[in-house]
Amino acid sequence: MPTQSPSTPAKKSRVEFDPRKSLGLRIKELRVEHGLTQEELSDRSGLFRTYMSRIESGQANPTLTMLHQIAGAFAIDVRDLLILPQNQRPTRVRATATVSRGRVNK
């Protein structure tokens, strides 16, 4: 069984926040609220439908210019794309632990 050397940080077991997935969910949420299909949103924003699909699924990393185009399609400000609903905001975890001489120090 592998052991950690003294004073080596232990692995964190929390789920990491994925901004691309959160942004994609936010855009999809807005699209559905506006009653638009991906094709319609793509036409309004000037982006390819396949790329829009990749954005919504968190597989693409759109540029600021692209976000501006998407926001324009919804007639909202870019910052409204980036403001996540409370239930989608990442939680802050500050707990850290180190391993020192076989003991976990918290």
PDB file of N, CA and C in Angstrom:
ATOM      1  N   MET A   1       0.849  -1.171   0.000  1.00  0.00           N
ATOM      2  CA  MET A   1       0.000   0.000   0.000  1.00  0.00           C
ATOM      3  C   MET A   1       0.897   1.236   0.000  1.00  0.00           C
ATOM      4  N   PRO A   2       0.654   2.186  -0.958  1.00  0.00           N
ATOM      5  CA  PRO A   2       1.508   3.366  -1.010  1.00  0.00           C
ATOM      6  C   PRO A   2       1.302   4.265   0.194  1.00  0.00           C
ATOM      7  N   THR A   3       2.379   4.844   0.638  1.00  0.00           N
ATOM      8  CA  THR A   3       2.302   5.780   1.757  1.00  0.00           C
ATOM      9  C   THR A   3       2.745   7.150   1.286  1.00  0.00           C
ATOM     10  N   GLN A   4       2.306   8.161   1.974  1.00  0.00           N
ATOM     11  CA  GLN A   4       2.698   9.515   1.633  1.00  0.00           C
ATOM     12  C   GLN A   4       3.871   9.923   2.495  1.00  0.00           C
ATOM     13  N   SER A   5       4.731  10.746   1.920  1.00  0.00           N
ATOM     14  CA  SER A   5       5.875  11.217   2.684  1.00  0.00           C
ATOM     15  C   SER A   5       5.414  12.237   3.716  1.00  0.00           C
ATOM     16  N   PRO A   6       6.207  12.479   4.733  1.00  0.00           N
ATOM     17  CA  PRO A   6       5.832  13.463   5.752  1.00  0.00           C
ATOM     18  C   PRO A   6       5.531  14.828   5.133  1.00  0.00           C
ATOM     19  N   SER A   7       4.512  15.472   5.662  1.00  0.00           N
ATOM     20  CA  SER A   7       4.079  16.810   5.244  1.00  0.00           C
ATOM     21  C   SER A   7       3.578  16.889   3.807  1.00  0.00           C
ATOM     22  N   THR A   8       3.142  15.759   3.241  1.00  0.00           N
ATOM     23  CA  THR A   8       2.544  15.758   1.908  1.00  0.00           C
ATOM     24  C   THR A   8       1.054  16.016   2.047  1.00  0.00           C
ATOM     25  N   PRO A   9       0.509  16.966   1.296  1.00  0.00           N
ATOM     26  CA  PRO A   9      -0.934  17.219   1.392  1.00  0.00           C
ATOM     27  C   PRO A   9      -1.734  15.988   0.990  1.00  0.00           C
ATOM     28  N   ALA A  10      -2.777  15.690   1.741  1.00  0.00           N
ATOM     29  CA  ALA A  10      -3.655  14.569   1.421  1.00  0.00           C
ATOM     30  C   ALA A  10      -4.554  14.963   0.258  1.00  0.00           C
ATOM     31  N   LYS A  11      -5.044  13.966  -0.474  1.00  0.00           N
ATOM     32  CA  LYS A  11      -5.938  14.230  -1.595  1.00  0.00           C
ATOM     33  C   LYS A  11      -7.260  14.787  -1.091  1.00  0.00           C
ATOM     34  N   LYS A  12      -7.794  15.746  -1.827  1.00  0.00           N
ATOM     35  CA  LYS A  12      -9.086  16.322  -1.475  1.00  0.00           C
ATOM     36  C   LYS A  12     -10.181  15.451  -2.065  1.00  0.00           C
ATOM     37  N   SER A  13     -11.246  15.250  -1.318  1.00  0.00           N
ATOM     38  CA  SER A  13     -12.314  14.369  -1.770  1.00  0.00           C
ATOM     39  C   SER A  13     -13.580  15.123  -2.135  1.00  0.00           C
ATOM     40  N   ARG A  14     -13.476  16.412  -2.419  1.00  0.00           N
ATOM     41  CA  ARG A  14     -14.666  17.169  -2.763  1.00  0.00           C
ATOM     42  C   ARG A  14     -14.830  17.220  -4.277  1.00  0.00           C
ATOM     43  N   VAL A  15     -16.032  17.470  -4.721  1.00  0.00           N
ATOM     44  CA  VAL A  15     -16.321  17.584  -6.138  1.00  0.00           C
ATOM     45  C   VAL A  15     -15.883  18.969  -6.602  1.00  0.00           C
ATOM     46  N   GLU A  16     -15.114  19.019  -7.667  1.00  0.00           N
ATOM     47  CA  GLU A  16     -14.615  20.288  -8.181  1.00  0.00           C
ATOM     48  C   GLU A  16     -15.692  21.000  -8.993  1.00  0.00           C
ATOM     49  N   PHE A  17     -15.722  22.308  -8.911  1.00  0.00           N
ATOM     50  CA  PHE A  17     -16.630  23.151  -9.673  1.00  0.00           C
ATOM     51  C   PHE A  17     -16.161  23.192 -11.120  1.00  0.00           C
ATOM     52  N   ASP A  18     -17.054  22.951 -12.061  1.00  0.00           N
ATOM     53  CA  ASP A  18     -16.724  22.999 -13.482  1.00  0.00           C
ATOM     54  C   ASP A  18     -17.445  24.181 -14.111  1.00  0.00           C
ATOM     55  N   PRO A  19     -16.745  25.281 -14.344  1.00  0.00           N
ATOM     56  CA  PRO A  19     -17.407  26.474 -14.874  1.00  0.00           C
ATOM     57  C   PRO A  19     -18.015  26.268 -16.252  1.00  0.00           C
ATOM     58  N   ARG A  20     -17.414  25.417 -17.077  1.00  0.00           N
ATOM     59  CA  ARG A  20     -17.992  25.180 -18.411  1.00  0.00           C
ATOM     60  C   ARG A  20     -19.341  24.492 -18.307  1.00  0.00           C
ATOM     61  N   LYS A  21     -19.454  23.511 -17.419  1.00  0.00           N
ATOM     62  CA  LYS A  21     -20.743  22.826 -17.252  1.00  0.00           C
ATOM     63  C   LYS A  21     -21.791  23.765 -16.672  1.00  0.00           C
ATOM     64  N   SER A  22     -21.396  24.564 -15.697  1.00  0.00           N
ATOM     65  CA  SER A  22     -22.339  25.508 -15.092  1.00  0.00           C
ATOM     66  C   SER A  22     -22.808  26.546 -16.102  1.00  0.00           C
ATOM     67  N   LEU A  23     -21.888  27.064 -16.908  1.00  0.00           N
ATOM     68  CA  LEU A  23     -22.256  28.025 -17.945  1.00  0.00           C
ATOM     69  C   LEU A  23     -23.185  27.373 -18.960  1.00  0.00           C
ATOM     70  N   GLY A  24     -22.865  26.155 -19.354  1.00  0.00           N
ATOM     71  CA  GLY A  24     -23.707  25.435 -20.309  1.00  0.00           C
ATOM     72  C   GLY A  24     -25.117  25.225 -19.786  1.00  0.00           C
ATOM     73  N   LEU A  25     -25.218  24.850 -18.515  1.00  0.00           N
ATOM     74  CA  LEU A  25     -26.542  24.667 -17.904  1.00  0.00           C
ATOM     75  C   LEU A  25     -27.309  25.982 -17.857  1.00  0.00           C
ATOM     76  N   ARG A  26     -26.599  27.067 -17.571  1.00  0.00           N
ATOM     77  CA  ARG A  26     -27.235  28.389 -17.512  1.00  0.00           C
ATOM     78  C   ARG A  26     -27.765  28.795 -18.884  1.00  0.00           C
ATOM     79  N   ILE A  27     -26.984  28.590 -19.933  1.00  0.00           N
ATOM     80  CA  ILE A  27     -27.413  28.939 -21.289  1.00  0.00           C
ATOM     81  C   ILE A  27     -28.597  28.076 -21.711  1.00  0.00           C
ATOM     82  N   LYS A  28     -28.538  26.794 -21.406  1.00  0.00           N
ATOM     83  CA  LYS A  28     -29.658  25.915 -21.749  1.00  0.00           C
ATOM     84  C   LYS A  28     -30.920  26.346 -21.005  1.00  0.00           C
ATOM     85  N   GLU A  29     -30.758  26.673 -19.722  1.00  0.00           N
ATOM     86  CA  GLU A  29     -31.888  27.127 -18.909  1.00  0.00           C
ATOM     87  C   GLU A  29     -32.531  28.374 -19.527  1.00  0.00           C
ATOM     88  N   LEU A  30     -31.713  29.331 -19.934  1.00  0.00           N
ATOM     89  CA  LEU A  30     -32.222  30.551 -20.563  1.00  0.00           C
ATOM     90  C   LEU A  30     -32.888  30.247 -21.903  1.00  0.00           C
ATOM     91  N   ARG A  31     -32.282  29.359 -22.673  1.00  0.00           N
ATOM     92  CA  ARG A  31     -32.852  28.989 -23.974  1.00  0.00           C
ATOM     93  C   ARG A  31     -34.237  28.388 -23.817  1.00  0.00           C
ATOM     94  N   VAL A  32     -34.380  27.477 -22.862  1.00  0.00           N
ATOM     95  CA  VAL A  32     -35.672  26.836 -22.610  1.00  0.00           C
ATOM     96  C   VAL A  32     -36.682  27.863 -22.098  1.00  0.00           C
ATOM     97  N   GLU A  33     -36.255  28.751 -21.183  1.00  0.00           N
ATOM     98  CA  GLU A  33     -37.143  29.804 -20.669  1.00  0.00           C
ATOM     99  C   GLU A  33     -37.658  30.706 -21.788  1.00  0.00           C
ATOM    100  N   HIS A  34     -36.808  30.949 -22.792  1.00  0.00           N
ATOM    101  CA  HIS A  34     -37.194  31.797 -23.916  1.00  0.00           C
ATOM    102  C   HIS A  34     -37.925  31.014 -25.011  1.00  0.00           C
ATOM    103  N   GLY A  35     -38.107  29.721 -24.803  1.00  0.00           N
ATOM    104  CA  GLY A  35     -38.833  28.894 -25.764  1.00  0.00           C
ATOM    105  C   GLY A  35     -38.103  28.716 -27.084  1.00  0.00           C
ATOM    106  N   LEU A  36     -36.780  28.667 -27.028  1.00  0.00           N
ATOM    107  CA  LEU A  36     -35.978  28.538 -28.243  1.00  0.00           C
ATOM    108  C   LEU A  36     -35.388  27.143 -28.376  1.00  0.00           C
ATOM    109  N   THR A  37     -35.218  26.706 -29.610  1.00  0.00           N
ATOM    110  CA  THR A  37     -34.464  25.487 -29.873  1.00  0.00           C
ATOM    111  C   THR A  37     -32.997  25.879 -30.002  1.00  0.00           C
ATOM    112  N   GLN A  38     -32.114  24.893 -29.993  1.00  0.00           N
ATOM    113  CA  GLN A  38     -30.696  25.193 -30.205  1.00  0.00           C
ATOM    114  C   GLN A  38     -30.494  25.831 -31.580  1.00  0.00           C
ATOM    115  N   GLU A  39     -31.240  25.362 -32.560  1.00  0.00           N
ATOM    116  CA  GLU A  39     -31.144  25.917 -33.916  1.00  0.00           C
ATOM    117  C   GLU A  39     -31.521  27.396 -33.929  1.00  0.00           C
ATOM    118  N   GLU A  40     -32.614  27.739 -33.245  1.00  0.00           N
ATOM    119  CA  GLU A  40     -33.055  29.135 -33.192  1.00  0.00           C
ATOM    120  C   GLU A  40     -32.044  30.014 -32.451  1.00  0.00           C
ATOM    121  N   LEU A  41     -31.518  29.510 -31.346  1.00  0.00           N
ATOM    122  CA  LEU A  41     -30.507  30.266 -30.606  1.00  0.00           C
ATOM    123  C   LEU A  41     -29.251  30.437 -31.454  1.00  0.00           C
ATOM    124  N   SER A  42     -28.894  29.412 -32.182  1.00  0.00           N
ATOM    125  CA  SER A  42     -27.732  29.482 -33.066  1.00  0.00           C
ATOM    126  C   SER A  42     -27.927  30.534 -34.146  1.00  0.00           C
ATOM    127  N   ASP A  43     -29.110  30.555 -34.747  1.00  0.00           N
ATOM    128  CA  ASP A  43     -29.409  31.560 -35.773  1.00  0.00           C
ATOM    129  C   ASP A  43     -29.321  32.970 -35.200  1.00  0.00           C
ATOM    130  N   ARG A  44     -29.865  33.164 -34.012  1.00  0.00           N
ATOM    131  CA  ARG A  44     -29.857  34.493 -33.383  1.00  0.00           C
ATOM    132  C   ARG A  44     -28.460  34.935 -32.958  1.00  0.00           C
ATOM    133  N   SER A  45     -27.639  33.980 -32.547  1.00  0.00           N
ATOM    134  CA  SER A  45     -26.308  34.325 -32.036  1.00  0.00           C
ATOM    135  C   SER A  45     -25.227  34.290 -33.114  1.00  0.00           C
ATOM    136  N   GLY A  46     -25.509  33.631 -34.223  1.00  0.00           N
ATOM    137  CA  GLY A  46     -24.507  33.520 -35.282  1.00  0.00           C
ATOM    138  C   GLY A  46     -23.502  32.403 -35.061  1.00  0.00           C
ATOM    139  N   LEU A  47     -23.776  31.524 -34.116  1.00  0.00           N
ATOM    140  CA  LEU A  47     -22.894  30.387 -33.847  1.00  0.00           C
ATOM    141  C   LEU A  47     -23.494  29.122 -34.448  1.00  0.00           C
ATOM    142  N   PHE A  48     -22.655  28.155 -34.763  1.00  0.00           N
ATOM    143  CA  PHE A  48     -23.147  26.885 -35.290  1.00  0.00           C
ATOM    144  C   PHE A  48     -23.948  26.141 -34.224  1.00  0.00           C
ATOM    145  N   ARG A  49     -24.990  25.427 -34.653  1.00  0.00           N
ATOM    146  CA  ARG A  49     -25.821  24.672 -33.721  1.00  0.00           C
ATOM    147  C   ARG A  49     -24.991  23.606 -33.007  1.00  0.00           C
ATOM    148  N   THR A  50     -24.091  22.962 -33.726  1.00  0.00           N
ATOM    149  CA  THR A  50     -23.271  21.916 -33.102  1.00  0.00           C
ATOM    150  C   THR A  50     -22.374  22.496 -32.010  1.00  0.00           C
ATOM    151  N   TYR A  51     -21.882  23.720 -32.244  1.00  0.00           N
ATOM    152  CA  TYR A  51     -21.057  24.364 -31.215  1.00  0.00           C
ATOM    153  C   TYR A  51     -21.917  24.762 -30.018  1.00  0.00           C
ATOM    154  N   MET A  52     -23.135  25.217 -30.300  1.00  0.00           N
ATOM    155  CA  MET A  52     -24.060  25.572 -29.214  1.00  0.00           C
ATOM    156  C   MET A  52     -24.340  24.335 -28.353  1.00  0.00           C
ATOM    157  N   SER A  53     -24.498  23.201 -28.995  1.00  0.00           N
ATOM    158  CA  SER A  53     -24.719  21.950 -28.268  1.00  0.00           C
ATOM    159  C   SER A  53     -23.521  21.632 -27.376  1.00  0.00           C
ATOM    160  N   ARG A  54     -22.320  21.841 -27.894  1.00  0.00           N
ATOM    161  CA  ARG A  54     -21.107  21.590 -27.106  1.00  0.00           C
ATOM    162  C   ARG A  54     -20.993  22.555 -25.930  1.00  0.00           C
ATOM    163  N   ILE A  55     -21.415  23.803 -26.130  1.00  0.00           N
ATOM    164  CA  ILE A  55     -21.400  24.777 -25.028  1.00  0.00           C
ATOM    165  C   ILE A  55     -22.361  24.321 -23.936  1.00  0.00           C
ATOM    166  N   GLU A  56     -23.588  23.971 -24.334  1.00  0.00           N
ATOM    167  CA  GLU A  56     -24.603  23.569 -23.352  1.00  0.00           C
ATOM    168  C   GLU A  56     -24.210  22.317 -22.582  1.00  0.00           C
ATOM    169  N   SER A  57     -23.460  21.432 -23.215  1.00  0.00           N
ATOM    170  CA  SER A  57     -23.060  20.196 -22.531  1.00  0.00           C
ATOM    171  C   SER A  57     -21.750  20.351 -21.755  1.00  0.00           C
ATOM    172  N   GLY A  58     -21.169  21.562 -21.774  1.00  0.00           N
ATOM    173  CA  GLY A  58     -19.945  21.804 -21.018  1.00  0.00           C
ATOM    174  C   GLY A  58     -18.698  21.296 -21.693  1.00  0.00           C
ATOM    175  N   GLN A  59     -18.777  20.996 -22.985  1.00  0.00           N
ATOM    176  CA  GLN A  59     -17.624  20.464 -23.711  1.00  0.00           C
ATOM    177  C   GLN A  59     -16.843  21.538 -24.453  1.00  0.00           C
ATOM    178  N   ALA A  60     -17.386  22.749 -24.538  1.00  0.00           N
ATOM    179  CA  ALA A  60     -16.710  23.837 -25.247  1.00  0.00           C
ATOM    180  C   ALA A  60     -16.424  24.977 -24.277  1.00  0.00           C
ATOM    181  N   ASN A  61     -15.438  25.760 -24.630  1.00  0.00           N
ATOM    182  CA  ASN A  61     -15.037  26.898 -23.811  1.00  0.00           C
ATOM    183  C   ASN A  61     -15.206  28.159 -24.661  1.00  0.00           C
ATOM    184  N   PRO A  62     -16.416  28.742 -24.683  1.00  0.00           N
ATOM    185  CA  PRO A  62     -16.668  29.876 -25.575  1.00  0.00           C
ATOM    186  C   PRO A  62     -15.865  31.117 -25.192  1.00  0.00           C
ATOM    187  N   THR A  63     -15.526  31.898 -26.209  1.00  0.00           N
ATOM    188  CA  THR A  63     -14.800  33.144 -25.978  1.00  0.00           C
ATOM    189  C   THR A  63     -15.757  34.201 -25.441  1.00  0.00           C
ATOM    190  N   LEU A  64     -15.194  35.294 -24.975  1.00  0.00           N
ATOM    191  CA  LEU A  64     -16.007  36.404 -24.493  1.00  0.00           C
ATOM    192  C   LEU A  64     -16.869  36.958 -25.625  1.00  0.00           C
ATOM    193  N   THR A  65     -16.326  37.003 -26.828  1.00  0.00           N
ATOM    194  CA  THR A  65     -17.093  37.463 -27.987  1.00  0.00           C
ATOM    195  C   THR A  65     -18.299  36.563 -28.224  1.00  0.00           C
ATOM    196  N   MET A  66     -18.103  35.261 -28.123  1.00  0.00           N
ATOM    197  CA  MET A  66     -19.213  34.319 -28.300  1.00  0.00           C
ATOM    198  C   MET A  66     -20.262  34.502 -27.212  1.00  0.00           C
ATOM    199  N   LEU A  67     -19.814  34.705 -25.975  1.00  0.00           N
ATOM    200  CA  LEU A  67     -20.762  34.936 -24.880  1.00  0.00           C
ATOM    201  C   LEU A  67     -21.559  36.210 -25.126  1.00  0.00           C
ATOM    202  N   HIS A  68     -20.909  37.212 -25.694  1.00  0.00           N
ATOM    203  CA  HIS A  68     -21.599  38.460 -26.031  1.00  0.00           C
ATOM    204  C   HIS A  68     -22.673  38.200 -27.094  1.00  0.00           C
ATOM    205  N   GLN A  69     -22.365  37.370 -28.073  1.00  0.00           N
ATOM    206  CA  GLN A  69     -23.332  37.016 -29.115  1.00  0.00           C
ATOM    207  C   GLN A  69     -24.521  36.252 -28.522  1.00  0.00           C
ATOM    208  N   ILE A  70     -24.244  35.322 -27.625  1.00  0.00           N
ATOM    209  CA  ILE A  70     -25.312  34.535 -26.993  1.00  0.00           C
ATOM    210  C   ILE A  70     -26.179  35.441 -26.131  1.00  0.00           C
ATOM    211  N   ALA A  71     -25.546  36.305 -25.349  1.00  0.00           N
ATOM    212  CA  ALA A  71     -26.303  37.241 -24.508  1.00  0.00           C
ATOM    213  C   ALA A  71     -27.182  38.135 -25.374  1.00  0.00           C
ATOM    214  N   GLY A  72     -26.658  38.595 -26.499  1.00  0.00           N
ATOM    215  CA  GLY A  72     -27.435  39.421 -27.417  1.00  0.00           C
ATOM    216  C   GLY A  72     -28.651  38.691 -27.956  1.00  0.00           C
ATOM    217  N   ALA A  73     -28.515  37.394 -28.181  1.00  0.00           N
ATOM    218  CA  ALA A  73     -29.640  36.592 -28.666  1.00  0.00           C
ATOM    219  C   ALA A  73     -30.765  36.534 -27.632  1.00  0.00           C
ATOM    220  N   PHE A  74     -30.411  36.629 -26.359  1.00  0.00           N
ATOM    221  CA  PHE A  74     -31.407  36.642 -25.281  1.00  0.00           C
ATOM    222  C   PHE A  74     -31.802  38.066 -24.879  1.00  0.00           C
ATOM    223  N   ALA A  75     -31.147  39.063 -25.472  1.00  0.00           N
ATOM    224  CA  ALA A  75     -31.360  40.476 -25.127  1.00  0.00           C
ATOM    225  C   ALA A  75     -31.058  40.729 -23.646  1.00  0.00           C
ATOM    226  N   ILE A  76     -29.944  40.144 -23.182  1.00  0.00           N
ATOM    227  CA  ILE A  76     -29.491  40.336 -21.808  1.00  0.00           C
ATOM    228  C   ILE A  76     -28.028  40.754 -21.826  1.00  0.00           C
ATOM    229  N   ASP A  77     -27.516  41.170 -20.698  1.00  0.00           N
ATOM    230  CA  ASP A  77     -26.116  41.527 -20.553  1.00  0.00           C
ATOM    231  C   ASP A  77     -25.292  40.254 -20.351  1.00  0.00           C
ATOM    232  N   VAL A  78     -24.048  40.281 -20.804  1.00  0.00           N
ATOM    233  CA  VAL A  78     -23.169  39.113 -20.655  1.00  0.00           C
ATOM    234  C   VAL A  78     -23.084  38.661 -19.203  1.00  0.00           C
ATOM    235  N   ARG A  79     -23.029  39.601 -18.276  1.00  0.00           N
ATOM    236  CA  ARG A  79     -22.892  39.205 -16.864  1.00  0.00           C
ATOM    237  C   ARG A  79     -24.082  38.376 -16.389  1.00  0.00           C
ATOM    238  N   ASP A  80     -25.255  38.540 -17.035  1.00  0.00           N
ATOM    239  CA  ASP A  80     -26.418  37.728 -16.663  1.00  0.00           C
ATOM    240  C   ASP A  80     -26.244  36.269 -17.067  1.00  0.00           C
ATOM    241  N   LEU A  81     -25.359  36.011 -18.025  1.00  0.00           N
ATOM    242  CA  LEU A  81     -25.031  34.623 -18.368  1.00  0.00           C
ATOM    243  C   LEU A  81     -24.158  34.001 -17.289  1.00  0.00           C
ATOM    244  N   LEU A  82     -23.362  34.837 -16.649  1.00  0.00           N
ATOM    245  CA  LEU A  82     -22.369  34.341 -15.698  1.00  0.00           C
ATOM    246  C   LEU A  82     -22.866  34.263 -14.267  1.00  0.00           C
ATOM    247  N   ILE A  83     -24.015  34.871 -13.988  1.00  0.00           N
ATOM    248  CA  ILE A  83     -24.579  34.818 -12.640  1.00  0.00           C
ATOM    249  C   ILE A  83     -25.379  33.531 -12.515  1.00  0.00           C
ATOM    250  N   LEU A  84     -24.876  32.632 -11.702  1.00  0.00           N
ATOM    251  CA  LEU A  84     -25.525  31.337 -11.538  1.00  0.00           C
ATOM    252  C   LEU A  84     -26.600  31.402 -10.468  1.00  0.00           C
ATOM    253  N   PRO A  85     -27.682  30.645 -10.661  1.00  0.00           N
ATOM    254  CA  PRO A  85     -28.682  30.547  -9.597  1.00  0.00           C
ATOM    255  C   PRO A  85     -28.029  29.998  -8.327  1.00  0.00           C
ATOM    256  N   GLN A  86     -28.582  30.325  -7.181  1.00  0.00           N
ATOM    257  CA  GLN A  86     -28.011  29.937  -5.889  1.00  0.00           C
ATOM    258  C   GLN A  86     -27.717  28.442  -5.808  1.00  0.00           C
ATOM    259  N   ASN A  87     -28.611  27.605  -6.346  1.00  0.00           N
ATOM    260  CA  ASN A  87     -28.426  26.151  -6.230  1.00  0.00           C
ATOM    261  C   ASN A  87     -27.320  25.621  -7.140  1.00  0.00           C
ATOM    262  N   GLN A  88     -26.790  26.449  -8.059  1.00  0.00           N
ATOM    263  CA  GLN A  88     -25.707  26.011  -8.936  1.00  0.00           C
ATOM    264  C   GLN A  88     -24.363  26.612  -8.549  1.00  0.00           C
ATOM    265  N   ARG A  89     -24.346  27.480  -7.548  1.00  0.00           N
ATOM    266  CA  ARG A  89     -23.094  28.121  -7.148  1.00  0.00           C
ATOM    267  C   ARG A  89     -22.225  27.133  -6.387  1.00  0.00           C
ATOM    268  N   PRO A  90     -20.916  27.182  -6.628  1.00  0.00           N
ATOM    269  CA  PRO A  90     -20.028  26.256  -5.916  1.00  0.00           C
ATOM    270  C   PRO A  90     -19.959  26.599  -4.436  1.00  0.00           C
ATOM    271  N   THR A  91     -19.808  25.572  -3.635  1.00  0.00           N
ATOM    272  CA  THR A  91     -19.631  25.801  -2.205  1.00  0.00           C
ATOM    273  C   THR A  91     -18.144  25.952  -1.934  1.00  0.00           C
ATOM    274  N   ARG A  92     -17.836  26.740  -0.951  1.00  0.00           N
ATOM    275  CA  ARG A  92     -16.430  26.950  -0.611  1.00  0.00           C
ATOM    276  C   ARG A  92     -16.036  25.980   0.495  1.00  0.00           C
ATOM    277  N   VAL A  93     -14.972  25.265   0.240  1.00  0.00           N
ATOM    278  CA  VAL A  93     -14.448  24.337   1.225  1.00  0.00           C
ATOM    279  C   VAL A  93     -13.025  24.765   1.531  1.00  0.00           C
ATOM    280  N   ARG A  94     -12.755  25.071   2.782  1.00  0.00           N
ATOM    281  CA  ARG A  94     -11.427  25.538   3.167  1.00  0.00           C
ATOM    282  C   ARG A  94     -10.632  24.485   3.929  1.00  0.00           C
ATOM    283  N   ALA A  95     -11.228  23.371   4.200  1.00  0.00           N
ATOM    284  CA  ALA A  95     -10.535  22.358   4.987  1.00  0.00           C
ATOM    285  C   ALA A  95      -9.347  21.803   4.209  1.00  0.00           C
ATOM    286  N   THR A  96      -8.228  21.717   4.867  1.00  0.00           N
ATOM    287  CA  THR A  96      -7.042  21.105   4.283  1.00  0.00           C
ATOM    288  C   THR A  96      -6.471  20.138   5.301  1.00  0.00           C
ATOM    289  N   ALA A  97      -5.754  19.191   4.816  1.00  0.00           N
ATOM    290  CA  ALA A  97      -5.128  18.220   5.710  1.00  0.00           C
ATOM    291  C   ALA A  97      -3.737  17.908   5.178  1.00  0.00           C
ATOM    292  N   THR A  98      -2.830  17.625   6.062  1.00  0.00           N
ATOM    293  CA  THR A  98      -1.492  17.190   5.681  1.00  0.00           C
ATOM    294  C   THR A  98      -1.196  15.901   6.420  1.00  0.00           C
ATOM    295  N   VAL A  99      -0.318  15.128   5.830  1.00  0.00           N
ATOM    296  CA  VAL A  99       0.105  13.891   6.470  1.00  0.00           C
ATOM    297  C   VAL A  99       1.509  14.128   7.011  1.00  0.00           C
ATOM    298  N   SER A 100       1.659  13.928   8.297  1.00  0.00           N
ATOM    299  CA  SER A 100       2.947  14.141   8.935  1.00  0.00           C
ATOM    300  C   SER A 100       3.246  12.956   9.840  1.00  0.00           C
ATOM    301  N   ARG A 101       4.271  12.231   9.509  1.00  0.00           N
ATOM    302  CA  ARG A 101       4.687  11.064  10.293  1.00  0.00           C
ATOM    303  C   ARG A 101       3.548  10.073  10.486  1.00  0.00           C
ATOM    304  N   GLY A 102       2.823   9.829   9.389  1.00  0.00           N
ATOM    305  CA  GLY A 102       1.767   8.827   9.438  1.00  0.00           C
ATOM    306  C   GLY A 102       0.463   9.298  10.032  1.00  0.00           C
ATOM    307  N   ARG A 103       0.394  10.549  10.476  1.00  0.00           N
ATOM    308  CA  ARG A 103      -0.835  11.089  11.060  1.00  0.00           C
ATOM    309  C   ARG A 103      -1.427  12.132  10.128  1.00  0.00           C
ATOM    310  N   VAL A 104      -2.734  12.191  10.106  1.00  0.00           N
ATOM    311  CA  VAL A 104      -3.417  13.207   9.323  1.00  0.00           C
ATOM    312  C   VAL A 104      -3.689  14.390  10.227  1.00  0.00           C
ATOM    313  N   ASN A 105      -3.160  15.539   9.852  1.00  0.00           N
ATOM    314  CA  ASN A 105      -3.363  16.774  10.616  1.00  0.00           C
ATOM    315  C   ASN A 105      -4.383  17.623   9.889  1.00  0.00           C
ATOM    316  N   LYS A 106      -5.419  18.012  10.580  1.00  0.00           N
ATOM    317  CA  LYS A 106      -6.464  18.836   9.956  1.00  0.00           C
ATOM    318  C   LYS A 106      -6.363  20.256  10.419  1.00  0.00           C
TER     319      LYS A 106
END
